[in-house]
């Protein structure tokens, strides 16, 4: 019986989905790749990066999750984890663990 339980537990751990580790450096790279072109210059009325750094990180995640028309194509396909990485990169403020997402801390 103990062997059966251990086997089931072990299989459950193997089959469990991997949780992505927070990666603020990846958030910075993603920002540079997808966001900087507009937020560095204010293109199309985009707020400048300096303004974004003053926001609450959850506000940035919310906008990336429900983007306006101008941003929709650019941010399509960005994972929830990466949205949080971008927000922490920009604001230098951590985000607590939420739902299935791990805590994200700013880079030292």
N, C-alpha and C. Protein backbone atom coordinates (compact mmCIF):
# COMPACT_ATOMS: atom_id res chain seq x y z
N UNK A 1 0.82 -1.19 0.00
CA UNK A 1 0.00 0.00 0.00
C UNK A 1 0.87 1.26 0.00
N UNK A 2 1.92 1.25 0.83
CA UNK A 2 2.80 2.42 0.87
C UNK A 2 3.49 2.62 -0.47
N UNK A 3 3.87 1.52 -1.10
CA UNK A 3 4.53 1.62 -2.40
C UNK A 3 3.59 2.20 -3.45
N UNK A 4 2.34 1.78 -3.42
CA UNK A 4 1.35 2.30 -4.36
C UNK A 4 1.15 3.79 -4.14
N UNK A 5 1.05 4.22 -2.90
CA UNK A 5 0.87 5.64 -2.59
C UNK A 5 2.08 6.45 -3.06
N UNK A 6 3.26 5.93 -2.78
CA UNK A 6 4.49 6.63 -3.19
C UNK A 6 4.57 6.72 -4.70
N UNK A 7 4.16 5.65 -5.40
CA UNK A 7 4.19 5.67 -6.86
C UNK A 7 3.22 6.71 -7.41
N UNK A 8 2.02 6.76 -6.86
CA UNK A 8 1.02 7.74 -7.31
C UNK A 8 1.50 9.15 -7.02
N UNK A 9 2.04 9.36 -5.83
CA UNK A 9 2.55 10.68 -5.47
C UNK A 9 3.68 11.09 -6.41
N UNK A 10 4.58 10.16 -6.69
CA UNK A 10 5.71 10.45 -7.58
C UNK A 10 5.24 10.78 -8.99
N UNK A 11 4.27 10.02 -9.50
CA UNK A 11 3.74 10.32 -10.83
C UNK A 11 3.05 11.67 -10.85
N UNK A 12 2.37 12.01 -9.78
CA UNK A 12 1.71 13.32 -9.71
C UNK A 12 2.71 14.45 -9.76
N UNK A 13 3.82 14.27 -9.10
CA UNK A 13 4.85 15.32 -9.11
C UNK A 13 5.48 15.45 -10.48
N UNK A 14 5.69 14.33 -11.14
CA UNK A 14 6.27 14.37 -12.48
C UNK A 14 5.31 15.03 -13.46
N UNK A 15 4.02 14.74 -13.33
CA UNK A 15 3.02 15.26 -14.25
C UNK A 15 2.62 16.69 -13.94
N UNK A 16 2.98 17.20 -12.76
CA UNK A 16 2.59 18.55 -12.38
C UNK A 16 3.23 19.55 -13.33
N UNK A 17 2.49 20.57 -13.73
CA UNK A 17 3.08 21.55 -14.64
C UNK A 17 4.18 22.35 -13.95
N UNK A 18 5.20 22.65 -14.71
CA UNK A 18 6.30 23.45 -14.16
C UNK A 18 5.85 24.89 -14.04
N UNK A 19 6.22 25.52 -12.95
CA UNK A 19 5.91 26.94 -12.75
C UNK A 19 7.11 27.73 -13.22
N UNK A 20 6.89 28.67 -14.11
CA UNK A 20 7.98 29.49 -14.61
C UNK A 20 8.53 30.36 -13.49
N UNK A 21 9.82 30.43 -13.42
CA UNK A 21 10.46 31.28 -12.42
C UNK A 21 10.41 32.72 -12.91
N UNK A 22 10.19 33.65 -12.00
CA UNK A 22 10.20 35.06 -12.40
C UNK A 22 11.56 35.42 -13.01
N UNK A 23 11.54 36.26 -14.01
CA UNK A 23 12.77 36.63 -14.70
C UNK A 23 12.67 38.08 -15.15
N UNK A 24 13.09 38.98 -14.27
CA UNK A 24 13.00 40.41 -14.57
C UNK A 24 13.91 40.78 -15.74
N UNK A 25 15.02 40.08 -15.92
CA UNK A 25 15.89 40.34 -17.08
C UNK A 25 15.15 40.01 -18.37
N UNK A 26 14.36 38.95 -18.35
CA UNK A 26 13.54 38.62 -19.53
C UNK A 26 12.48 39.70 -19.74
N UNK A 27 11.96 40.25 -18.64
CA UNK A 27 11.01 41.35 -18.74
C UNK A 27 11.63 42.57 -19.40
N UNK A 28 12.87 42.85 -19.04
CA UNK A 28 13.57 43.98 -19.66
C UNK A 28 13.78 43.72 -21.15
N UNK A 29 14.20 42.52 -21.49
CA UNK A 29 14.43 42.19 -22.90
C UNK A 29 13.13 42.29 -23.69
N UNK A 30 12.04 41.81 -23.12
CA UNK A 30 10.74 41.88 -23.78
C UNK A 30 10.30 43.33 -23.95
N UNK A 31 10.52 44.14 -22.93
CA UNK A 31 10.20 45.56 -23.02
C UNK A 31 10.99 46.20 -24.17
N UNK A 32 12.28 45.93 -24.22
CA UNK A 32 13.13 46.51 -25.27
C UNK A 32 12.66 46.06 -26.66
N UNK A 33 12.25 44.81 -26.76
CA UNK A 33 11.83 44.25 -28.05
C UNK A 33 10.47 44.76 -28.50
N UNK A 34 9.50 44.84 -27.58
CA UNK A 34 8.12 45.11 -27.98
C UNK A 34 7.61 46.49 -27.60
N UNK A 35 8.17 47.12 -26.59
CA UNK A 35 7.55 48.33 -26.02
C UNK A 35 8.37 49.60 -26.23
N UNK A 36 9.68 49.45 -26.18
CA UNK A 36 10.55 50.62 -26.17
C UNK A 36 10.38 51.51 -27.39
N UNK A 37 10.08 50.92 -28.54
CA UNK A 37 9.98 51.72 -29.77
C UNK A 37 8.96 52.85 -29.63
N UNK A 38 7.89 52.61 -28.89
CA UNK A 38 6.87 53.66 -28.71
C UNK A 38 7.06 54.42 -27.40
N UNK A 39 7.41 53.69 -26.33
CA UNK A 39 7.50 54.34 -25.03
C UNK A 39 8.79 55.14 -24.83
N UNK A 40 9.76 54.97 -25.71
CA UNK A 40 10.99 55.78 -25.65
C UNK A 40 10.77 57.15 -26.28
N UNK A 41 9.80 57.23 -27.21
CA UNK A 41 9.61 58.46 -27.98
C UNK A 41 8.24 59.10 -27.81
N UNK A 42 7.31 58.35 -27.22
CA UNK A 42 5.94 58.86 -27.11
C UNK A 42 5.15 58.67 -28.40
N UNK A 43 5.63 57.81 -29.28
CA UNK A 43 4.97 57.55 -30.55
C UNK A 43 3.50 57.17 -30.34
N UNK A 44 2.63 57.80 -31.09
CA UNK A 44 1.20 57.50 -31.00
C UNK A 44 0.58 57.88 -29.67
N UNK A 45 1.23 58.76 -28.92
CA UNK A 45 0.70 59.19 -27.63
C UNK A 45 1.05 58.24 -26.49
N UNK A 46 1.94 57.29 -26.74
CA UNK A 46 2.34 56.35 -25.68
C UNK A 46 3.04 57.10 -24.55
N UNK A 47 2.69 56.77 -23.30
CA UNK A 47 3.40 57.42 -22.19
C UNK A 47 4.88 57.03 -22.22
N UNK A 48 5.72 57.98 -21.88
CA UNK A 48 7.15 57.72 -21.87
C UNK A 48 7.51 56.76 -20.74
N UNK A 49 8.64 56.09 -20.90
CA UNK A 49 9.07 55.10 -19.91
C UNK A 49 9.17 55.72 -18.52
N UNK A 50 9.62 56.95 -18.42
CA UNK A 50 9.72 57.60 -17.10
C UNK A 50 8.37 57.63 -16.40
N UNK A 51 7.30 57.86 -17.15
CA UNK A 51 5.96 57.87 -16.56
C UNK A 51 5.55 56.47 -16.13
N UNK A 52 5.92 55.47 -16.91
CA UNK A 52 5.56 54.08 -16.58
C UNK A 52 6.22 53.63 -15.28
N UNK A 53 7.43 54.12 -15.01
CA UNK A 53 8.15 53.69 -13.82
C UNK A 53 7.45 54.14 -12.53
N UNK A 54 6.59 55.13 -12.63
CA UNK A 54 5.89 55.65 -11.45
C UNK A 54 4.58 54.92 -11.16
N UNK A 55 4.17 54.05 -12.07
CA UNK A 55 2.90 53.34 -11.91
C UNK A 55 3.04 52.16 -10.94
N UNK A 56 1.91 51.71 -10.44
CA UNK A 56 1.86 50.47 -9.67
C UNK A 56 2.07 49.33 -10.66
N UNK A 57 2.87 48.32 -10.32
CA UNK A 57 3.11 47.25 -11.28
C UNK A 57 1.84 46.53 -11.74
N UNK A 58 0.84 46.42 -10.86
CA UNK A 58 -0.40 45.76 -11.25
C UNK A 58 -1.12 46.55 -12.35
N UNK A 59 -1.00 47.88 -12.33
CA UNK A 59 -1.60 48.72 -13.37
C UNK A 59 -0.99 48.37 -14.73
N UNK A 60 0.32 48.16 -14.76
CA UNK A 60 0.99 47.80 -16.00
C UNK A 60 0.50 46.43 -16.49
N UNK A 61 0.40 45.48 -15.57
CA UNK A 61 -0.11 44.16 -15.93
C UNK A 61 -1.53 44.27 -16.48
N UNK A 62 -2.35 45.10 -15.83
CA UNK A 62 -3.73 45.27 -16.29
C UNK A 62 -3.79 45.83 -17.71
N UNK A 63 -2.95 46.80 -18.01
CA UNK A 63 -2.94 47.39 -19.35
C UNK A 63 -2.42 46.39 -20.38
N UNK A 64 -1.43 45.60 -20.00
CA UNK A 64 -0.92 44.58 -20.92
C UNK A 64 -1.95 43.47 -21.15
N UNK A 65 -2.80 43.25 -20.17
CA UNK A 65 -3.84 42.23 -20.27
C UNK A 65 -5.03 42.72 -21.09
N UNK A 66 -5.35 44.00 -20.95
CA UNK A 66 -6.47 44.62 -21.67
C UNK A 66 -5.97 45.85 -22.42
N UNK A 67 -5.15 45.63 -23.45
CA UNK A 67 -4.52 46.76 -24.14
C UNK A 67 -5.51 47.52 -25.02
N UNK A 68 -5.16 48.77 -25.25
CA UNK A 68 -5.92 49.56 -26.21
C UNK A 68 -5.59 49.09 -27.62
N UNK A 69 -6.27 49.66 -28.58
CA UNK A 69 -6.12 49.25 -29.97
C UNK A 69 -4.67 49.35 -30.45
N UNK A 70 -3.99 50.42 -30.09
CA UNK A 70 -2.61 50.64 -30.56
C UNK A 70 -1.66 49.55 -30.06
N UNK A 71 -1.89 49.04 -28.85
CA UNK A 71 -0.98 48.07 -28.25
C UNK A 71 -1.38 46.62 -28.50
N UNK A 72 -2.60 46.37 -28.87
CA UNK A 72 -3.14 45.02 -28.92
C UNK A 72 -2.27 44.05 -29.73
N UNK A 73 -1.87 44.43 -30.89
CA UNK A 73 -1.06 43.54 -31.72
C UNK A 73 0.34 43.33 -31.18
N UNK A 74 0.87 44.34 -30.54
CA UNK A 74 2.23 44.27 -30.02
C UNK A 74 2.32 43.34 -28.81
N UNK A 75 1.33 43.36 -27.94
CA UNK A 75 1.40 42.59 -26.70
C UNK A 75 0.69 41.24 -26.78
N UNK A 76 0.08 40.95 -27.91
CA UNK A 76 -0.61 39.66 -28.06
C UNK A 76 0.37 38.51 -27.82
N UNK A 77 -0.05 37.55 -27.04
CA UNK A 77 0.77 36.37 -26.80
C UNK A 77 1.76 36.47 -25.66
N UNK A 78 1.84 37.61 -24.99
CA UNK A 78 2.75 37.73 -23.85
C UNK A 78 2.12 36.98 -22.67
N UNK A 79 2.87 36.09 -22.05
CA UNK A 79 2.35 35.29 -20.95
C UNK A 79 2.10 36.16 -19.71
N UNK A 80 1.27 35.65 -18.82
CA UNK A 80 1.00 36.36 -17.56
C UNK A 80 2.29 36.55 -16.78
N UNK A 81 3.16 35.54 -16.78
CA UNK A 81 4.44 35.65 -16.08
C UNK A 81 5.28 36.77 -16.67
N UNK A 82 5.34 36.84 -17.99
CA UNK A 82 6.16 37.88 -18.63
C UNK A 82 5.58 39.26 -18.43
N UNK A 83 4.26 39.39 -18.36
CA UNK A 83 3.65 40.69 -18.08
C UNK A 83 4.12 41.19 -16.72
N UNK A 84 4.14 40.28 -15.75
CA UNK A 84 4.60 40.64 -14.41
C UNK A 84 6.09 40.98 -14.41
N UNK A 85 6.89 40.24 -15.19
CA UNK A 85 8.32 40.53 -15.31
C UNK A 85 8.56 41.93 -15.88
N UNK A 86 7.80 42.28 -16.91
CA UNK A 86 7.91 43.62 -17.51
C UNK A 86 7.53 44.69 -16.49
N UNK A 87 6.44 44.46 -15.77
CA UNK A 87 5.96 45.45 -14.79
C UNK A 87 6.98 45.67 -13.68
N UNK A 88 7.59 44.61 -13.20
CA UNK A 88 8.59 44.74 -12.13
C UNK A 88 9.86 45.39 -12.68
N UNK A 89 10.25 45.05 -13.91
CA UNK A 89 11.40 45.72 -14.52
C UNK A 89 11.17 47.23 -14.57
N UNK A 90 10.00 47.64 -15.04
CA UNK A 90 9.73 49.06 -15.20
C UNK A 90 9.64 49.82 -13.88
N UNK A 91 8.94 49.25 -12.93
CA UNK A 91 8.65 49.98 -11.69
C UNK A 91 9.68 49.77 -10.59
N UNK A 92 10.47 48.72 -10.72
CA UNK A 92 11.43 48.33 -9.67
C UNK A 92 10.71 48.02 -8.36
N UNK A 93 9.42 47.66 -8.47
CA UNK A 93 8.61 47.27 -7.31
C UNK A 93 8.21 45.82 -7.48
N UNK A 94 8.32 45.03 -6.41
CA UNK A 94 7.96 43.63 -6.47
C UNK A 94 6.46 43.41 -6.57
N UNK A 95 6.11 42.21 -6.96
CA UNK A 95 4.71 41.80 -7.01
C UNK A 95 4.57 40.51 -6.21
N UNK A 96 3.57 40.43 -5.33
CA UNK A 96 3.40 39.22 -4.53
C UNK A 96 2.89 38.06 -5.38
N UNK A 97 3.05 36.85 -4.85
CA UNK A 97 2.49 35.68 -5.52
C UNK A 97 0.98 35.88 -5.62
N UNK A 98 0.41 35.42 -6.74
CA UNK A 98 -1.02 35.60 -6.96
C UNK A 98 -1.52 34.45 -7.81
N UNK A 99 -2.60 33.83 -7.37
CA UNK A 99 -3.16 32.67 -8.05
C UNK A 99 -2.05 31.63 -8.22
N UNK A 100 -1.73 31.24 -9.43
CA UNK A 100 -0.67 30.27 -9.66
C UNK A 100 0.66 30.93 -10.02
N UNK A 101 0.74 32.24 -9.90
CA UNK A 101 1.93 32.98 -10.31
C UNK A 101 2.83 33.24 -9.11
N UNK A 102 4.14 33.03 -9.26
CA UNK A 102 5.06 33.24 -8.15
C UNK A 102 5.32 34.73 -7.89
N UNK A 103 5.86 35.00 -6.73
CA UNK A 103 6.29 36.36 -6.40
C UNK A 103 7.38 36.78 -7.39
N UNK A 104 7.36 38.07 -7.74
CA UNK A 104 8.40 38.62 -8.62
C UNK A 104 9.07 39.75 -7.87
N UNK A 105 10.38 39.65 -7.75
CA UNK A 105 11.16 40.68 -7.04
C UNK A 105 11.99 41.46 -8.04
N UNK A 106 12.17 42.76 -7.78
CA UNK A 106 13.03 43.55 -8.68
C UNK A 106 14.48 43.07 -8.63
N UNK A 107 15.18 43.30 -9.70
CA UNK A 107 16.60 42.95 -9.74
C UNK A 107 17.35 43.80 -8.73
N UNK A 108 18.36 43.22 -8.11
CA UNK A 108 19.15 43.99 -7.11
C UNK A 108 19.93 45.11 -7.74
